PDB file of N, CA and C in Angstrom:
ATOM      1  N   MET A   1      80.407-250.380 -22.422  1.00  0.00           N
ATOM      2  CA  MET A   1      79.310-251.183 -22.029  1.00  0.00           C
ATOM      3  C   MET A   1      78.290-251.193 -23.156  1.00  0.00           C
ATOM      4  N   HIS A   2      77.730-252.380 -23.495  1.00  0.00           N
ATOM      5  CA  HIS A   2      76.732-252.509 -24.508  1.00  0.00           C
ATOM      6  C   HIS A   2      75.393-252.064 -23.958  1.00  0.00           C
ATOM      7  N   ALA A   3      75.153-250.725 -24.088  1.00  0.00           N
ATOM      8  CA  ALA A   3      73.941-250.118 -23.432  1.00  0.00           C
ATOM      9  C   ALA A   3      73.612-248.815 -24.075  1.00  0.00           C
ATOM     10  N   ALA A   4      72.312-248.502 -24.110  1.00  0.00           N
ATOM     11  CA  ALA A   4      71.837-247.202 -24.478  1.00  0.00           C
ATOM     12  C   ALA A   4      71.805-246.375 -23.185  1.00  0.00           C
ATOM     13  N   CYS A   5      71.947-245.085 -23.305  1.00  0.00           N
ATOM     14  CA  CYS A   5      71.920-244.230 -22.162  1.00  0.00           C
ATOM     15  C   CYS A   5      70.856-243.143 -22.366  1.00  0.00           C
ATOM     16  N   LEU A   6      69.927-243.062 -21.433  1.00  0.00           N
ATOM     17  CA  LEU A   6      68.815-242.117 -21.554  1.00  0.00           C
ATOM     18  C   LEU A   6      68.791-241.211 -20.341  1.00  0.00           C
ATOM     19  N   ILE A   7      68.365-239.925 -20.606  1.00  0.00           N
ATOM     20  CA  ILE A   7      68.201-238.949 -19.501  1.00  0.00           C
ATOM     21  C   ILE A   7      66.728-238.647 -19.409  1.00  0.00           C
ATOM     22  N   PRO A   8      66.052-238.791 -18.233  1.00  0.00           N
ATOM     23  CA  PRO A   8      64.634-238.477 -18.122  1.00  0.00           C
ATOM     24  C   PRO A   8      64.370-236.983 -18.280  1.00  0.00           C
ATOM     25  N   PRO A   9      63.133-236.649 -18.595  1.00  0.00           N
ATOM     26  CA  PRO A   9      62.820-235.182 -18.762  1.00  0.00           C
ATOM     27  C   PRO A   9      63.177-234.314 -17.564  1.00  0.00           C
ATOM     28  N   ASP A  10      63.155-234.825 -16.339  1.00  0.00           N
ATOM     29  CA  ASP A  10      63.523-234.036 -15.163  1.00  0.00           C
ATOM     30  C   ASP A  10      65.058-233.927 -15.012  1.00  0.00           C
ATOM     31  N   ARG A  11      65.807-234.610 -15.857  1.00  0.00           N
ATOM     32  CA  ARG A  11      67.270-234.616 -15.817  1.00  0.00           C
ATOM     33  C   ARG A  11      67.903-235.040 -14.482  1.00  0.00           C
ATOM     34  N   SER A  12      67.131-235.867 -13.772  1.00  0.00           N
ATOM     35  CA  SER A  12      67.569-236.279 -12.426  1.00  0.00           C
ATOM     36  C   SER A  12      68.828-237.158 -12.436  1.00  0.00           C
ATOM     37  N   GLU A  13      68.847-238.091 -13.332  1.00  0.00           N
ATOM     38  CA  GLU A  13      70.006-239.013 -13.455  1.00  0.00           C
ATOM     39  C   GLU A  13      69.860-239.751 -14.715  1.00  0.00           C
ATOM     40  N   ALA A  14      70.918-240.496 -15.103  1.00  0.00           N
ATOM     41  CA  ALA A  14      70.894-241.267 -16.319  1.00  0.00           C
ATOM     42  C   ALA A  14      70.382-242.693 -16.077  1.00  0.00           C
ATOM     43  N   LEU A  15      69.811-243.289 -17.141  1.00  0.00           N
ATOM     44  CA  LEU A  15      69.365-244.682 -17.119  1.00  0.00           C
ATOM     45  C   LEU A  15      70.114-245.424 -18.177  1.00  0.00           C
ATOM     46  N   LEU A  16      70.815-246.487 -17.789  1.00  0.00           N
ATOM     47  CA  LEU A  16      71.480-247.395 -18.711  1.00  0.00           C
ATOM     48  C   LEU A  16      70.549-248.515 -19.068  1.00  0.00           C
ATOM     49  N   LEU A  17      70.347-248.662 -20.371  1.00  0.00           N
ATOM     50  CA  LEU A  17      69.467-249.801 -20.815  1.00  0.00           C
ATOM     51  C   LEU A  17      70.390-250.848 -21.438  1.00  0.00           C
ATOM     52  N   CYS A  18      70.728-251.869 -20.673  1.00  0.00           N
ATOM     53  CA  CYS A  18      71.682-252.886 -21.053  1.00  0.00           C
ATOM     54  C   CYS A  18      70.880-254.128 -21.550  1.00  0.00           C
ATOM     55  N   ALA A  19      71.307-254.569 -22.775  1.00  0.00           N
ATOM     56  CA  ALA A  19      70.602-255.780 -23.295  1.00  0.00           C
ATOM     57  C   ALA A  19      71.441-256.296 -24.465  1.00  0.00           C
ATOM     58  N   GLU A  20      71.212-257.561 -24.771  1.00  0.00           N
ATOM     59  CA  GLU A  20      71.876-258.198 -25.902  1.00  0.00           C
ATOM     60  C   GLU A  20      71.358-257.600 -27.203  1.00  0.00           C
ATOM     61  N   SER A  21      72.124-257.665 -28.297  1.00  0.00           N
ATOM     62  CA  SER A  21      71.626-257.177 -29.570  1.00  0.00           C
ATOM     63  C   SER A  21      70.393-257.942 -29.982  1.00  0.00           C
ATOM     64  N   GLY A  22      69.485-257.156 -30.598  1.00  0.00           N
ATOM     65  CA  GLY A  22      68.278-257.749 -31.179  1.00  0.00           C
ATOM     66  C   GLY A  22      67.176-257.966 -30.149  1.00  0.00           C
ATOM     67  N   THR A  23      67.273-257.397 -28.917  1.00  0.00           N
ATOM     68  CA  THR A  23      66.246-257.613 -27.899  1.00  0.00           C
ATOM     69  C   THR A  23      65.292-256.440 -27.769  1.00  0.00           C
ATOM     70  N   GLY A  24      65.449-255.354 -28.559  1.00  0.00           N
ATOM     71  CA  GLY A  24      64.585-254.204 -28.493  1.00  0.00           C
ATOM     72  C   GLY A  24      65.103-253.012 -27.741  1.00  0.00           C
ATOM     73  N   LYS A  25      66.382-253.016 -27.467  1.00  0.00           N
ATOM     74  CA  LYS A  25      67.004-251.862 -26.744  1.00  0.00           C
ATOM     75  C   LYS A  25      66.837-250.536 -27.562  1.00  0.00           C
ATOM     76  N   SER A  26      67.088-250.582 -28.810  1.00  0.00           N
ATOM     77  CA  SER A  26      67.000-249.322 -29.640  1.00  0.00           C
ATOM     78  C   SER A  26      65.504-248.932 -29.763  1.00  0.00           C
ATOM     79  N   THR A  27      64.657-249.920 -29.948  1.00  0.00           N
ATOM     80  CA  THR A  27      63.195-249.594 -30.023  1.00  0.00           C
ATOM     81  C   THR A  27      62.700-248.936 -28.747  1.00  0.00           C
ATOM     82  N   THR A  28      63.117-249.480 -27.617  1.00  0.00           N
ATOM     83  CA  THR A  28      62.773-248.882 -26.315  1.00  0.00           C
ATOM     84  C   THR A  28      63.389-247.523 -26.171  1.00  0.00           C
ATOM     85  N   THR A  29      64.573-247.316 -26.669  1.00  0.00           N
ATOM     86  CA  THR A  29      65.240-245.981 -26.628  1.00  0.00           C
ATOM     87  C   THR A  29      64.413-245.003 -27.439  1.00  0.00           C
ATOM     88  N   VAL A  30      63.979-245.335 -28.606  1.00  0.00           N
ATOM     89  CA  VAL A  30      63.181-244.424 -29.419  1.00  0.00           C
ATOM     90  C   VAL A  30      61.855-244.130 -28.722  1.00  0.00           C
ATOM     91  N   ALA A  31      61.230-245.167 -28.183  1.00  0.00           N
ATOM     92  CA  ALA A  31      59.956-244.944 -27.425  1.00  0.00           C
ATOM     93  C   ALA A  31      60.119-243.911 -26.334  1.00  0.00           C
ATOM     94  N   ALA A  32      61.214-244.013 -25.562  1.00  0.00           N
ATOM     95  CA  ALA A  32      61.490-243.075 -24.504  1.00  0.00           C
ATOM     96  C   ALA A  32      61.704-241.706 -25.056  1.00  0.00           C
ATOM     97  N   ALA A  33      62.493-241.587 -26.148  1.00  0.00           N
ATOM     98  CA  ALA A  33      62.816-240.275 -26.730  1.00  0.00           C
ATOM     99  C   ALA A  33      61.564-239.609 -27.229  1.00  0.00           C
ATOM    100  N   LEU A  34      60.624-240.382 -27.767  1.00  0.00           N
ATOM    101  CA  LEU A  34      59.365-239.808 -28.259  1.00  0.00           C
ATOM    102  C   LEU A  34      58.499-239.307 -27.112  1.00  0.00           C
ATOM    103  N   ARG A  35      58.858-239.703 -25.895  1.00  0.00           N
ATOM    104  CA  ARG A  35      58.111-239.238 -24.691  1.00  0.00           C
ATOM    105  C   ARG A  35      58.885-238.262 -23.868  1.00  0.00           C
ATOM    106  N   GLY A  36      59.912-237.625 -24.487  1.00  0.00           N
ATOM    107  CA  GLY A  36      60.606-236.559 -23.862  1.00  0.00           C
ATOM    108  C   GLY A  36      61.947-236.868 -23.244  1.00  0.00           C
ATOM    109  N   TRP A  37      62.378-238.138 -23.271  1.00  0.00           N
ATOM    110  CA  TRP A  37      63.689-238.505 -22.714  1.00  0.00           C
ATOM    111  C   TRP A  37      64.769-238.047 -23.718  1.00  0.00           C
ATOM    112  N   THR A  38      65.958-237.731 -23.214  1.00  0.00           N
ATOM    113  CA  THR A  38      67.097-237.414 -24.074  1.00  0.00           C
ATOM    114  C   THR A  38      67.950-238.628 -24.300  1.00  0.00           C
ATOM    115  N   VAL A  39      68.324-238.899 -25.517  1.00  0.00           N
ATOM    116  CA  VAL A  39      69.256-240.020 -25.834  1.00  0.00           C
ATOM    117  C   VAL A  39      70.637-239.514 -25.761  1.00  0.00           C
ATOM    118  N   LEU A  40      71.394-240.052 -24.807  1.00  0.00           N
ATOM    119  CA  LEU A  40      72.780-239.687 -24.559  1.00  0.00           C
ATOM    120  C   LEU A  40      73.680-240.527 -25.530  1.00  0.00           C
ATOM    121  N   SER A  41      73.260-241.851 -25.696  1.00  0.00           N
ATOM    122  CA  SER A  41      73.989-242.683 -26.610  1.00  0.00           C
ATOM    123  C   SER A  41      73.120-243.916 -26.871  1.00  0.00           C
ATOM    124  N   ASP A  42      73.398-244.551 -27.993  1.00  0.00           N
ATOM    125  CA  ASP A  42      72.727-245.822 -28.309  1.00  0.00           C
ATOM    126  C   ASP A  42      73.776-246.887 -28.598  1.00  0.00           C
ATOM    127  N   ASP A  43      73.519-248.057 -28.177  1.00  0.00           N
ATOM    128  CA  ASP A  43      74.333-249.239 -28.455  1.00  0.00           C
ATOM    129  C   ASP A  43      75.552-249.377 -27.562  1.00  0.00           C
ATOM    130  N   VAL A  44      76.355-248.307 -27.411  1.00  0.00           N
ATOM    131  CA  VAL A  44      77.572-248.397 -26.563  1.00  0.00           C
ATOM    132  C   VAL A  44      77.586-247.159 -25.670  1.00  0.00           C
ATOM    133  N   THR A  45      77.788-247.333 -24.391  1.00  0.00           N
ATOM    134  CA  THR A  45      77.923-246.242 -23.490  1.00  0.00           C
ATOM    135  C   THR A  45      79.210-246.413 -22.650  1.00  0.00           C
ATOM    136  N   GLN A  46      80.009-245.382 -22.555  1.00  0.00           N
ATOM    137  CA  GLN A  46      81.202-245.464 -21.745  1.00  0.00           C
ATOM    138  C   GLN A  46      80.863-244.869 -20.399  1.00  0.00           C
ATOM    139  N   VAL A  47      81.151-245.660 -19.354  1.00  0.00           N
ATOM    140  CA  VAL A  47      80.901-245.191 -17.988  1.00  0.00           C
ATOM    141  C   VAL A  47      82.243-245.018 -17.309  1.00  0.00           C
ATOM    142  N   VAL A  48      82.434-243.896 -16.652  1.00  0.00           N
ATOM    143  CA  VAL A  48      83.697-243.548 -15.964  1.00  0.00           C
ATOM    144  C   VAL A  48      83.418-243.123 -14.563  1.00  0.00           C
ATOM    145  N   GLY A  49      84.405-243.214 -13.747  1.00  0.00           N
ATOM    146  CA  GLY A  49      84.256-242.690 -12.345  1.00  0.00           C
ATOM    147  C   GLY A  49      84.679-241.226 -12.337  1.00  0.00           C
ATOM    148  N   PHE A  50      83.928-240.388 -11.654  1.00  0.00           N
ATOM    149  CA  PHE A  50      84.207-238.982 -11.564  1.00  0.00           C
ATOM    150  C   PHE A  50      83.817-238.467 -10.154  1.00  0.00           C
ATOM    151  N   GLU A  51      84.824-238.093  -9.349  1.00  0.00           N
ATOM    152  CA  GLU A  51      84.576-237.635  -8.001  1.00  0.00           C
ATOM    153  C   GLU A  51      83.619-238.553  -7.193  1.00  0.00           C
ATOM    154  N   GLY A  52      83.903-239.846  -7.289  1.00  0.00           N
ATOM    155  CA  GLY A  52      83.179-240.854  -6.534  1.00  0.00           C
ATOM    156  C   GLY A  52      81.794-241.194  -7.102  1.00  0.00           C
ATOM    157  N   THR A  53      81.508-240.728  -8.293  1.00  0.00           N
ATOM    158  CA  THR A  53      80.218-241.020  -8.920  1.00  0.00           C
ATOM    159  C   THR A  53      80.417-241.630 -10.316  1.00  0.00           C
ATOM    160  N   ALA A  54      79.577-242.555 -10.695  1.00  0.00           N
ATOM    161  CA  ALA A  54      79.640-243.112 -12.071  1.00  0.00           C
ATOM    162  C   ALA A  54      79.010-242.098 -13.007  1.00  0.00           C
ATOM    163  N   MET A  55      79.720-241.787 -14.104  1.00  0.00           N
ATOM    164  CA  MET A  55      79.199-240.888 -15.143  1.00  0.00           C
ATOM    165  C   MET A  55      79.171-241.596 -16.476  1.00  0.00           C
ATOM    166  N   ALA A  56      78.074-241.404 -17.193  1.00  0.00           N
ATOM    167  CA  ALA A  56      77.954-241.889 -18.553  1.00  0.00           C
ATOM    168  C   ALA A  56      78.392-240.813 -19.502  1.00  0.00           C
ATOM    169  N   LEU A  57      79.279-241.137 -20.385  1.00  0.00           N
ATOM    170  CA  LEU A  57      79.794-240.141 -21.369  1.00  0.00           C
ATOM    171  C   LEU A  57      78.932-240.178 -22.654  1.00  0.00           C
ATOM    172  N   PRO A  58      78.654-239.034 -23.253  1.00  0.00           N
ATOM    173  CA  PRO A  58      77.894-238.980 -24.439  1.00  0.00           C
ATOM    174  C   PRO A  58      78.607-239.801 -25.596  1.00  0.00           C
ATOM    175  N   GLY A  59      77.777-240.418 -26.360  1.00  0.00           N
ATOM    176  CA  GLY A  59      78.293-241.201 -27.522  1.00  0.00           C
ATOM    177  C   GLY A  59      77.461-240.838 -28.707  1.00  0.00           C
ATOM    178  N   TRP A  60      77.319-241.775 -29.648  1.00  0.00           N
ATOM    179  CA  TRP A  60      76.473-241.571 -30.818  1.00  0.00           C
ATOM    180  C   TRP A  60      75.040-241.613 -30.376  1.00  0.00           C
ATOM    181  N   ALA A  61      74.324-240.494 -30.571  1.00  0.00           N
ATOM    182  CA  ALA A  61      72.932-240.427 -30.170  1.00  0.00           C
ATOM    183  C   ALA A  61      71.986-240.818 -31.313  1.00  0.00           C
ATOM    184  N   THR A  62      72.503-241.150 -32.464  1.00  0.00           N
ATOM    185  CA  THR A  62      71.655-241.656 -33.528  1.00  0.00           C
ATOM    186  C   THR A  62      71.342-243.119 -33.268  1.00  0.00           C
ATOM    187  N   VAL A  63      70.065-243.448 -33.334  1.00  0.00           N
ATOM    188  CA  VAL A  63      69.612-244.770 -33.033  1.00  0.00           C
ATOM    189  C   VAL A  63      69.393-245.499 -34.328  1.00  0.00           C
ATOM    190  N   LYS A  64      69.919-246.740 -34.409  1.00  0.00           N
ATOM    191  CA  LYS A  64      69.747-247.588 -35.598  1.00  0.00           C
ATOM    192  C   LYS A  64      68.531-248.474 -35.406  1.00  0.00           C
ATOM    193  N   LEU A  65      67.579-248.337 -36.397  1.00  0.00           N
ATOM    194  CA  LEU A  65      66.410-249.203 -36.286  1.00  0.00           C
ATOM    195  C   LEU A  65      66.201-249.986 -37.604  1.00  0.00           C
ATOM    196  N   TRP A  66      65.545-251.093 -37.490  1.00  0.00           N
ATOM    197  CA  TRP A  66      65.078-251.786 -38.637  1.00  0.00           C
ATOM    198  C   TRP A  66      64.120-250.893 -39.410  1.00  0.00           C
ATOM    199  N   PRO A  67      64.075-250.945 -40.722  1.00  0.00           N
ATOM    200  CA  PRO A  67      63.178-249.990 -41.513  1.00  0.00           C
ATOM    201  C   PRO A  67      61.653-250.094 -41.066  1.00  0.00           C
ATOM    202  N   ASP A  68      61.191-251.278 -40.802  1.00  0.00           N
ATOM    203  CA  ASP A  68      59.771-251.391 -40.387  1.00  0.00           C
ATOM    204  C   ASP A  68      59.516-250.735 -39.036  1.00  0.00           C
ATOM    205  N   THR A  69      60.507-250.836 -38.129  1.00  0.00           N
ATOM    206  CA  THR A  69      60.372-250.166 -36.798  1.00  0.00           C
ATOM    207  C   THR A  69      60.433-248.671 -36.966  1.00  0.00           C
ATOM    208  N   ALA A  70      61.318-248.181 -37.843  1.00  0.00           N
ATOM    209  CA  ALA A  70      61.403-246.760 -38.060  1.00  0.00           C
ATOM    210  C   ALA A  70      60.137-246.208 -38.603  1.00  0.00           C
ATOM    211  N   ARG A  71      59.567-246.931 -39.567  1.00  0.00           N
ATOM    212  CA  ARG A  71      58.228-246.467 -40.109  1.00  0.00           C
ATOM    213  C   ARG A  71      57.151-246.448 -39.024  1.00  0.00           C
ATOM    214  N   MET A  72      57.171-247.440 -38.170  1.00  0.00           N
ATOM    215  CA  MET A  72      56.175-247.462 -37.110  1.00  0.00           C
ATOM    216  C   MET A  72      56.336-246.320 -36.154  1.00  0.00           C
ATOM    217  N   CYS A  73      57.573-245.884 -35.906  1.00  0.00           N
ATOM    218  CA  CYS A  73      57.856-244.766 -34.999  1.00  0.00           C
ATOM    219  C   CYS A  73      57.527-243.418 -35.648  1.00  0.00           C
ATOM    220  N   SER A  74      57.499-243.375 -36.985  1.00  0.00           N
ATOM    221  CA  SER A  74      57.155-242.157 -37.763  1.00  0.00           C
ATOM    222  C   SER A  74      57.938-240.970 -37.344  1.00  0.00           C
ATOM    223  N   THR A  75      59.297-241.045 -37.307  1.00  0.00           N
ATOM    224  CA  THR A  75      60.106-239.931 -36.986  1.00  0.00           C
ATOM    225  C   THR A  75      61.307-239.869 -37.840  1.00  0.00           C
ATOM    226  N   SER A  76      61.662-238.704 -38.264  1.00  0.00           N
ATOM    227  CA  SER A  76      62.862-238.563 -39.095  1.00  0.00           C
ATOM    228  C   SER A  76      64.127-238.254 -38.300  1.00  0.00           C
ATOM    229  N   ARG A  77      63.974-238.197 -36.981  1.00  0.00           N
ATOM    230  CA  ARG A  77      65.056-237.868 -36.109  1.00  0.00           C
ATOM    231  C   ARG A  77      66.028-239.036 -35.965  1.00  0.00           C
ATOM    232  N   PHE A  78      65.553-240.223 -36.313  1.00  0.00           N
ATOM    233  CA  PHE A  78      66.342-241.434 -36.167  1.00  0.00           C
ATOM    234  C   PHE A  78      66.559-242.056 -37.549  1.00  0.00           C
ATOM    235  N   ILE A  79      67.696-242.616 -37.763  1.00  0.00           N
ATOM    236  CA  ILE A  79      68.089-243.168 -39.064  1.00  0.00           C
ATOM    237  C   ILE A  79      67.789-244.653 -39.086  1.00  0.00           C
ATOM    238  N   PRO A  80      66.939-245.172 -40.004  1.00  0.00           N
ATOM    239  CA  PRO A  80      66.716-246.578 -40.039  1.00  0.00           C
ATOM    240  C   PRO A  80      67.790-247.306 -40.799  1.00  0.00           C
ATOM    241  N   THR A  81      68.330-248.388 -40.233  1.00  0.00           N
ATOM    242  CA  THR A  81      69.352-249.221 -40.859  1.00  0.00           C
ATOM    243  C   THR A  81      68.961-250.629 -40.593  1.00  0.00           C
ATOM    244  N   ALA A  82      69.574-251.575 -41.323  1.00  0.00           N
ATOM    245  CA  ALA A  82      69.298-252.936 -41.153  1.00  0.00           C
ATOM    246  C   ALA A  82      70.581-253.795 -40.895  1.00  0.00           C
ATOM    247  N   ASP A  83      71.499-253.239 -40.131  1.00  0.00           N
ATOM    248  CA  ASP A  83      72.712-253.991 -39.906  1.00  0.00           C
ATOM    249  C   ASP A  83      72.623-254.619 -38.566  1.00  0.00           C
TER     250      ASP A  83
END
């Protein structure tokens, strides 16, 4: 699924952020991470059924940002790219 997956600070459940490329999904993911959310994956999330519940599997947690967006976020935790 073309989606970022975020876990809120209380670890209650996962949030899938589904959107087309270029609509701000990664920027929103970084904004949430800077506010204490955990990034489970960015860009692609695999969702599977497990004991009657949907589960999101961890993927690449590195978020790709445009260089100007990365500078605006002022964090070295994320790698800026322009692809």
